[in-house]
PDB file of N, CA and C in Angstrom:
ATOM      1  N   MET A   1       0.829  -1.177   0.000  1.00  0.00           N
ATOM      2  CA  MET A   1       0.000   0.000   0.000  1.00  0.00           C
ATOM      3  C   MET A   1       0.879   1.248   0.000  1.00  0.00           C
ATOM      4  N   THR A   2       1.431   1.622   1.149  1.00  0.00           N
ATOM      5  CA  THR A   2       2.331   2.759   1.179  1.00  0.00           C
ATOM      6  C   THR A   2       3.738   2.245   1.369  1.00  0.00           C
ATOM      7  N   GLU A   3       4.688   3.004   0.914  1.00  0.00           N
ATOM      8  CA  GLU A   3       6.087   2.598   1.060  1.00  0.00           C
ATOM      9  C   GLU A   3       6.830   3.618   1.884  1.00  0.00           C
ATOM     10  N   ILE A   4       7.783   3.159   2.621  1.00  0.00           N
ATOM     11  CA  ILE A   4       8.515   3.971   3.581  1.00  0.00           C
ATOM     12  C   ILE A   4       9.396   5.031   2.933  1.00  0.00           C
ATOM     13  N   ASP A   5       9.862   4.839   1.711  1.00  0.00           N
ATOM     14  CA  ASP A   5      10.818   5.748   1.102  1.00  0.00           C
ATOM     15  C   ASP A   5      10.220   6.665   0.042  1.00  0.00           C
ATOM     16  N   SER A   6       8.940   6.883   0.060  1.00  0.00           N
ATOM     17  CA  SER A   6       8.331   7.746  -0.934  1.00  0.00           C
ATOM     18  C   SER A   6       8.754   9.198  -0.713  1.00  0.00           C
ATOM     19  N   PRO A   7       9.295   9.854  -1.755  1.00  0.00           N
ATOM     20  CA  PRO A   7       9.757  11.238  -1.594  1.00  0.00           C
ATOM     21  C   PRO A   7       8.621  12.250  -1.503  1.00  0.00           C
ATOM     22  N   HIS A   8       7.393  11.836  -1.801  1.00  0.00           N
ATOM     23  CA  HIS A   8       6.274  12.770  -1.847  1.00  0.00           C
ATOM     24  C   HIS A   8       5.453  12.773  -0.562  1.00  0.00           C
ATOM     25  N   MET A   9       5.844  11.957   0.406  1.00  0.00           N
ATOM     26  CA  MET A   9       5.057  11.863   1.621  1.00  0.00           C
ATOM     27  C   MET A   9       5.891  12.290   2.816  1.00  0.00           C
ATOM     28  N   GLY A  10       5.269  13.021   3.736  1.00  0.00           N
ATOM     29  CA  GLY A  10       5.935  13.355   4.987  1.00  0.00           C
ATOM     30  C   GLY A  10       5.979  12.126   5.873  1.00  0.00           C
ATOM     31  N   ARG A  11       6.691  12.229   6.947  1.00  0.00           N
ATOM     32  CA  ARG A  11       6.802  11.096   7.855  1.00  0.00           C
ATOM     33  C   ARG A  11       5.704  11.197   8.909  1.00  0.00           C
ATOM     34  N   PRO A  12       4.804  10.225   8.954  1.00  0.00           N
ATOM     35  CA  PRO A  12       3.752  10.247   9.966  1.00  0.00           C
ATOM     36  C   PRO A  12       4.336   9.879  11.332  1.00  0.00           C
ATOM     37  N   ARG A  13       3.604  10.168  12.377  1.00  0.00           N
ATOM     38  CA  ARG A  13       4.072   9.828  13.723  1.00  0.00           C
ATOM     39  C   ARG A  13       4.051   8.325  13.957  1.00  0.00           C
ATOM     40  N   ILE A  14       3.116   7.616  13.315  1.00  0.00           N
ATOM     41  CA  ILE A  14       2.958   6.178  13.548  1.00  0.00           C
ATOM     42  C   ILE A  14       3.347   5.412  12.292  1.00  0.00           C
ATOM     43  N   LEU A  15       4.216   4.435  12.460  1.00  0.00           N
ATOM     44  CA  LEU A  15       4.645   3.576  11.368  1.00  0.00           C
ATOM     45  C   LEU A  15       4.382   2.135  11.789  1.00  0.00           C
ATOM     46  N   VAL A  16       3.615   1.402  10.974  1.00  0.00           N
ATOM     47  CA  VAL A  16       3.315  -0.005  11.249  1.00  0.00           C
ATOM     48  C   VAL A  16       4.019  -0.824  10.176  1.00  0.00           C
ATOM     49  N   LEU A  17       5.026  -1.595  10.594  1.00  0.00           N
ATOM     50  CA  LEU A  17       5.867  -2.327   9.658  1.00  0.00           C
ATOM     51  C   LEU A  17       5.220  -3.625   9.201  1.00  0.00           C
ATOM     52  N   ARG A  18       5.889  -4.298   8.257  1.00  0.00           N
ATOM     53  CA  ARG A  18       5.380  -5.537   7.654  1.00  0.00           C
ATOM     54  C   ARG A  18       5.068  -6.604   8.699  1.00  0.00           C
ATOM     55  N   VAL A  19       4.184  -7.514   8.340  1.00  0.00           N
ATOM     56  CA  VAL A  19       3.828  -8.632   9.214  1.00  0.00           C
ATOM     57  C   VAL A  19       5.039  -9.544   9.394  1.00  0.00           C
ATOM     58  N   GLN A  20       5.295  -9.892  10.638  1.00  0.00           N
ATOM     59  CA  GLN A  20       6.378 -10.801  10.994  1.00  0.00           C
ATOM     60  C   GLN A  20       5.778 -12.168  11.330  1.00  0.00           C
ATOM     61  N   PRO A  21       6.439 -13.247  10.920  1.00  0.00           N
ATOM     62  CA  PRO A  21       5.905 -14.559  11.255  1.00  0.00           C
ATOM     63  C   PRO A  21       6.004 -14.791  12.758  1.00  0.00           C
ATOM     64  N   GLY A  22       5.043 -15.452  13.266  1.00  0.00           N
ATOM     65  CA  GLY A  22       5.002 -15.769  14.692  1.00  0.00           C
ATOM     66  C   GLY A  22       3.702 -16.463  15.002  1.00  0.00           C
ATOM     67  N   THR A  23       3.533 -16.813  16.250  1.00  0.00           N
ATOM     68  CA  THR A  23       2.284 -17.448  16.671  1.00  0.00           C
ATOM     69  C   THR A  23       1.710 -16.623  17.804  1.00  0.00           C
ATOM     70  N   PRO A  24       0.843 -15.692  17.516  1.00  0.00           N
ATOM     71  CA  PRO A  24       0.327 -15.281  16.208  1.00  0.00           C
ATOM     72  C   PRO A  24       1.277 -14.309  15.504  1.00  0.00           C
ATOM     73  N   PRO A  25       1.064 -14.086  14.206  1.00  0.00           N
ATOM     74  CA  PRO A  25       1.864 -13.095  13.476  1.00  0.00           C
ATOM     75  C   PRO A  25       1.678 -11.712  14.104  1.00  0.00           C
ATOM     76  N   PHE A  26       2.638 -10.830  13.896  1.00  0.00           N
ATOM     77  CA  PHE A  26       2.563  -9.500  14.491  1.00  0.00           C
ATOM     78  C   PHE A  26       3.233  -8.486  13.572  1.00  0.00           C
ATOM     79  N   ARG A  27       3.015  -7.223  13.885  1.00  0.00           N
ATOM     80  CA  ARG A  27       3.663  -6.127  13.177  1.00  0.00           C
ATOM     81  C   ARG A  27       4.334  -5.229  14.210  1.00  0.00           C
ATOM     82  N   ILE A  28       5.526  -4.757  13.882  1.00  0.00           N
ATOM     83  CA  ILE A  28       6.249  -3.838  14.758  1.00  0.00           C
ATOM     84  C   ILE A  28       5.649  -2.437  14.578  1.00  0.00           C
ATOM     85  N   VAL A  29       5.479  -1.736  15.689  1.00  0.00           N
ATOM     86  CA  VAL A  29       4.930  -0.382  15.651  1.00  0.00           C
ATOM     87  C   VAL A  29       6.010   0.598  16.111  1.00  0.00           C
ATOM     88  N   GLU A  30       6.194   1.650  15.316  1.00  0.00           N
ATOM     89  CA  GLU A  30       7.092   2.744  15.679  1.00  0.00           C
ATOM     90  C   GLU A  30       6.265   4.008  15.846  1.00  0.00           C
ATOM     91  N   ILE A  31       6.622   4.781  16.851  1.00  0.00           N
ATOM     92  CA  ILE A  31       6.004   6.091  17.042  1.00  0.00           C
ATOM     93  C   ILE A  31       7.132   7.104  17.173  1.00  0.00           C
ATOM     94  N   ASP A  32       7.055   8.139  16.374  1.00  0.00           N
ATOM     95  CA  ASP A  32       8.089   9.180  16.348  1.00  0.00           C
ATOM     96  C   ASP A  32       9.475   8.585  16.155  1.00  0.00           C
ATOM     97  N   GLY A  33       9.571   7.549  15.315  1.00  0.00           N
ATOM     98  CA  GLY A  33      10.850   6.945  14.975  1.00  0.00           C
ATOM     99  C   GLY A  33      11.398   5.959  15.993  1.00  0.00           C
ATOM    100  N   GLN A  34      10.643   5.676  17.034  1.00  0.00           N
ATOM    101  CA  GLN A  34      11.082   4.765  18.090  1.00  0.00           C
ATOM    102  C   GLN A  34      10.183   3.526  18.114  1.00  0.00           C
ATOM    103  N   VAL A  35      10.796   2.344  18.180  1.00  0.00           N
ATOM    104  CA  VAL A  35      10.008   1.107  18.298  1.00  0.00           C
ATOM    105  C   VAL A  35       9.323   1.104  19.661  1.00  0.00           C
ATOM    106  N   VAL A  36       7.998   0.935  19.636  1.00  0.00           N
ATOM    107  CA  VAL A  36       7.245   0.953  20.898  1.00  0.00           C
ATOM    108  C   VAL A  36       6.602  -0.383  21.234  1.00  0.00           C
ATOM    109  N   GLY A  37       6.591  -1.316  20.273  1.00  0.00           N
ATOM    110  CA  GLY A  37       6.019  -2.623  20.575  1.00  0.00           C
ATOM    111  C   GLY A  37       5.545  -3.365  19.345  1.00  0.00           C
ATOM    112  N   GLU A  38       4.797  -4.412  19.641  1.00  0.00           N
ATOM    113  CA  GLU A  38       4.235  -5.275  18.601  1.00  0.00           C
ATOM    114  C   GLU A  38       2.723  -5.123  18.595  1.00  0.00           C
ATOM    115  N   ALA A  39       2.143  -5.250  17.404  1.00  0.00           N
ATOM    116  CA  ALA A  39       0.687  -5.212  17.269  1.00  0.00           C
ATOM    117  C   ALA A  39       0.230  -6.494  16.596  1.00  0.00           C
ATOM    118  N   ARG A  40      -0.820  -7.051  17.104  1.00  0.00           N
ATOM    119  CA  ARG A  40      -1.415  -8.249  16.518  1.00  0.00           C
ATOM    120  C   ARG A  40      -2.744  -7.944  15.829  1.00  0.00           C
ATOM    121  N   ASP A  41      -3.201  -6.697  16.019  1.00  0.00           N
ATOM    122  CA  ASP A  41      -4.424  -6.235  15.367  1.00  0.00           C
ATOM    123  C   ASP A  41      -4.488  -4.714  15.449  1.00  0.00           C
ATOM    124  N   VAL A  42      -5.500  -4.147  14.853  1.00  0.00           N
ATOM    125  CA  VAL A  42      -5.658  -2.692  14.806  1.00  0.00           C
ATOM    126  C   VAL A  42      -5.801  -2.108  16.207  1.00  0.00           C
ATOM    127  N   THR A  43      -6.463  -2.818  17.092  1.00  0.00           N
ATOM    128  CA  THR A  43      -6.648  -2.335  18.459  1.00  0.00           C
ATOM    129  C   THR A  43      -5.306  -2.095  19.134  1.00  0.00           C
ATOM    130  N   ASP A  44      -4.341  -2.989  18.904  1.00  0.00           N
ATOM    131  CA  ASP A  44      -3.007  -2.800  19.484  1.00  0.00           C
ATOM    132  C   ASP A  44      -2.350  -1.526  18.970  1.00  0.00           C
ATOM    133  N   VAL A  45      -2.550  -1.215  17.698  1.00  0.00           N
ATOM    134  CA  VAL A  45      -1.991   0.014  17.122  1.00  0.00           C
ATOM    135  C   VAL A  45      -2.631   1.229  17.790  1.00  0.00           C
ATOM    136  N   LEU A  46      -3.936   1.211  17.949  1.00  0.00           N
ATOM    137  CA  LEU A  46      -4.638   2.327  18.579  1.00  0.00           C
ATOM    138  C   LEU A  46      -4.232   2.498  20.043  1.00  0.00           C
ATOM    139  N   GLU A  47      -4.042   1.388  20.743  1.00  0.00           N
ATOM    140  CA  GLU A  47      -3.620   1.456  22.143  1.00  0.00           C
ATOM    141  C   GLU A  47      -2.205   2.012  22.270  1.00  0.00           C
ATOM    142  N   ALA A  48      -1.320   1.635  21.361  1.00  0.00           N
ATOM    143  CA  ALA A  48       0.043   2.174  21.376  1.00  0.00           C
ATOM    144  C   ALA A  48       0.008   3.680  21.122  1.00  0.00           C
ATOM    145  N   ALA A  49      -0.802   4.097  20.158  1.00  0.00           N
ATOM    146  CA  ALA A  49      -0.924   5.522  19.860  1.00  0.00           C
ATOM    147  C   ALA A  49      -1.450   6.278  21.083  1.00  0.00           C
ATOM    148  N   ALA A  50      -2.468   5.755  21.716  1.00  0.00           N
ATOM    149  CA  ALA A  50      -3.054   6.411  22.887  1.00  0.00           C
ATOM    150  C   ALA A  50      -2.047   6.528  24.028  1.00  0.00           C
ATOM    151  N   ALA A  51      -1.187   5.518  24.178  1.00  0.00           N
ATOM    152  CA  ALA A  51      -0.170   5.553  25.236  1.00  0.00           C
ATOM    153  C   ALA A  51       0.812   6.706  25.025  1.00  0.00           C
ATOM    154  N   PHE A  52       0.929   7.181  23.771  1.00  0.00           N
ATOM    155  CA  PHE A  52       1.810   8.299  23.460  1.00  0.00           C
ATOM    156  C   PHE A  52       1.024   9.590  23.235  1.00  0.00           C
ATOM    157  N   GLY A  53      -0.242   9.580  23.645  1.00  0.00           N
ATOM    158  CA  GLY A  53      -1.060  10.776  23.551  1.00  0.00           C
ATOM    159  C   GLY A  53      -1.559  11.106  22.169  1.00  0.00           C
ATOM    160  N   ILE A  54      -1.579  10.114  21.283  1.00  0.00           N
ATOM    161  CA  ILE A  54      -2.027  10.334  19.909  1.00  0.00           C
ATOM    162  C   ILE A  54      -3.427   9.762  19.744  1.00  0.00           C
ATOM    163  N   THR A  55      -4.351  10.600  19.325  1.00  0.00           N
ATOM    164  CA  THR A  55      -5.698  10.137  19.009  1.00  0.00           C
ATOM    165  C   THR A  55      -5.778   9.955  17.504  1.00  0.00           C
ATOM    166  N   VAL A  56      -6.112   8.749  17.078  1.00  0.00           N
ATOM    167  CA  VAL A  56      -6.205   8.442  15.649  1.00  0.00           C
ATOM    168  C   VAL A  56      -7.679   8.444  15.262  1.00  0.00           C
ATOM    169  N   HIS A  57      -8.027   9.359  14.356  1.00  0.00           N
ATOM    170  CA  HIS A  57      -9.408   9.443  13.884  1.00  0.00           C
ATOM    171  C   HIS A  57      -9.606   8.660  12.598  1.00  0.00           C
ATOM    172  N   ASP A  58      -8.533   8.496  11.828  1.00  0.00           N
ATOM    173  CA  ASP A  58      -8.641   7.825  10.538  1.00  0.00           C
ATOM    174  C   ASP A  58      -7.384   6.984  10.306  1.00  0.00           C
ATOM    175  N   LEU A  59      -7.511   5.671  10.402  1.00  0.00           N
ATOM    176  CA  LEU A  59      -6.377   4.765  10.198  1.00  0.00           C
ATOM    177  C   LEU A  59      -5.901   4.744   8.749  1.00  0.00           C
ATOM    178  N   ASP A  60      -6.659   5.321   7.846  1.00  0.00           N
ATOM    179  CA  ASP A  60      -6.279   5.374   6.433  1.00  0.00           C
ATOM    180  C   ASP A  60      -5.616   6.696   6.058  1.00  0.00           C
ATOM    181  N   ASP A  61      -5.421   7.587   7.016  1.00  0.00           N
ATOM    182  CA  ASP A  61      -4.794   8.875   6.745  1.00  0.00           C
ATOM    183  C   ASP A  61      -3.280   8.705   6.760  1.00  0.00           C
ATOM    184  N   PRO A  62      -2.614   8.791   5.601  1.00  0.00           N
ATOM    185  CA  PRO A  62      -1.167   8.561   5.536  1.00  0.00           C
ATOM    186  C   PRO A  62      -0.349   9.624   6.258  1.00  0.00           C
ATOM    187  N   ASP A  63      -0.966  10.747   6.617  1.00  0.00           N
ATOM    188  CA  ASP A  63      -0.254  11.757   7.400  1.00  0.00           C
ATOM    189  C   ASP A  63      -0.186  11.372   8.879  1.00  0.00           C
ATOM    190  N   VAL A  64      -0.995  10.393   9.280  1.00  0.00           N
ATOM    191  CA  VAL A  64      -1.044   9.955  10.678  1.00  0.00           C
ATOM    192  C   VAL A  64      -0.414   8.578  10.841  1.00  0.00           C
ATOM    193  N   VAL A  65      -0.820   7.630   9.991  1.00  0.00           N
ATOM    194  CA  VAL A  65      -0.337   6.250  10.092  1.00  0.00           C
ATOM    195  C   VAL A  65       0.185   5.797   8.736  1.00  0.00           C
ATOM    196  N   ARG A  66       1.359   5.220   8.705  1.00  0.00           N
ATOM    197  CA  ARG A  66       1.891   4.631   7.474  1.00  0.00           C
ATOM    198  C   ARG A  66       1.938   3.119   7.681  1.00  0.00           C
ATOM    199  N   TRP A  67       1.278   2.401   6.795  1.00  0.00           N
ATOM    200  CA  TRP A  67       1.237   0.936   6.818  1.00  0.00           C
ATOM    201  C   TRP A  67       2.231   0.434   5.782  1.00  0.00           C
ATOM    202  N   VAL A  68       3.208  -0.331   6.202  1.00  0.00           N
ATOM    203  CA  VAL A  68       4.233  -0.859   5.307  1.00  0.00           C
ATOM    204  C   VAL A  68       3.955  -2.345   5.083  1.00  0.00           C
ATOM    205  N   GLY A  69       3.866  -2.763   3.821  1.00  0.00           N
ATOM    206  CA  GLY A  69       3.661  -4.176   3.522  1.00  0.00           C
ATOM    207  C   GLY A  69       2.228  -4.637   3.681  1.00  0.00           C
ATOM    208  N   GLY A  70       1.305  -3.733   3.536  1.00  0.00           N
ATOM    209  CA  GLY A  70      -0.109  -4.074   3.651  1.00  0.00           C
ATOM    210  C   GLY A  70      -0.852  -2.927   4.299  1.00  0.00           C
ATOM    211  N   ASP A  71      -2.115  -3.122   4.548  1.00  0.00           N
ATOM    212  CA  ASP A  71      -2.921  -2.077   5.167  1.00  0.00           C
ATOM    213  C   ASP A  71      -3.407  -2.534   6.530  1.00  0.00           C
ATOM    214  N   LYS A  72      -4.401  -1.832   7.063  1.00  0.00           N
ATOM    215  CA  LYS A  72      -4.903  -2.147   8.406  1.00  0.00           C
ATOM    216  C   LYS A  72      -5.585  -3.521   8.473  1.00  0.00           C
ATOM    217  N   PHE A  73      -5.860  -4.121   7.335  1.00  0.00           N
ATOM    218  CA  PHE A  73      -6.476  -5.447   7.312  1.00  0.00           C
ATOM    219  C   PHE A  73      -5.470  -6.572   7.121  1.00  0.00           C
ATOM    220  N   THR A  74      -4.183  -6.247   6.978  1.00  0.00           N
ATOM    221  CA  THR A  74      -3.149  -7.243   6.705  1.00  0.00           C
ATOM    222  C   THR A  74      -2.477  -7.654   7.999  1.00  0.00           C
ATOM    223  N   TRP A  75      -2.782  -8.881   8.463  1.00  0.00           N
ATOM    224  CA  TRP A  75      -2.231  -9.361   9.737  1.00  0.00           C
ATOM    225  C   TRP A  75      -1.675 -10.775   9.621  1.00  0.00           C
ATOM    226  N   THR A  76      -1.497 -11.250   8.401  1.00  0.00           N
ATOM    227  CA  THR A  76      -0.860 -12.550   8.174  1.00  0.00           C
ATOM    228  C   THR A  76       0.281 -12.361   7.190  1.00  0.00           C
ATOM    229  N   PRO A  77       1.373 -13.131   7.323  1.00  0.00           N
ATOM    230  CA  PRO A  77       2.491 -12.980   6.387  1.00  0.00           C
ATOM    231  C   PRO A  77       2.075 -13.350   4.973  1.00  0.00           C
ATOM    232  N   ARG A  78       2.673 -12.701   3.986  1.00  0.00           N
ATOM    233  CA  ARG A  78       2.354 -12.984   2.588  1.00  0.00           C
ATOM    234  C   ARG A  78       3.259 -14.045   2.060  1.00  0.00           C
TER     235      ARG A  78
END
């Protein structure tokens, strides 16, 4: 969906990286360039954001959240 190195996009505060294999699979979450944890679903991403005082109104807004290797519905490895 979105790619991390696009020259036309600013850097959002929240970056959700590609799905990692595991039981269950997970995605690494970065906030303000710092790894803050793992997410196994969208709720985990929202909880991580809230812990850093970020209210997310639209998970599809690339200025707020950047999804790498899939979108908010991608939670299994490809």
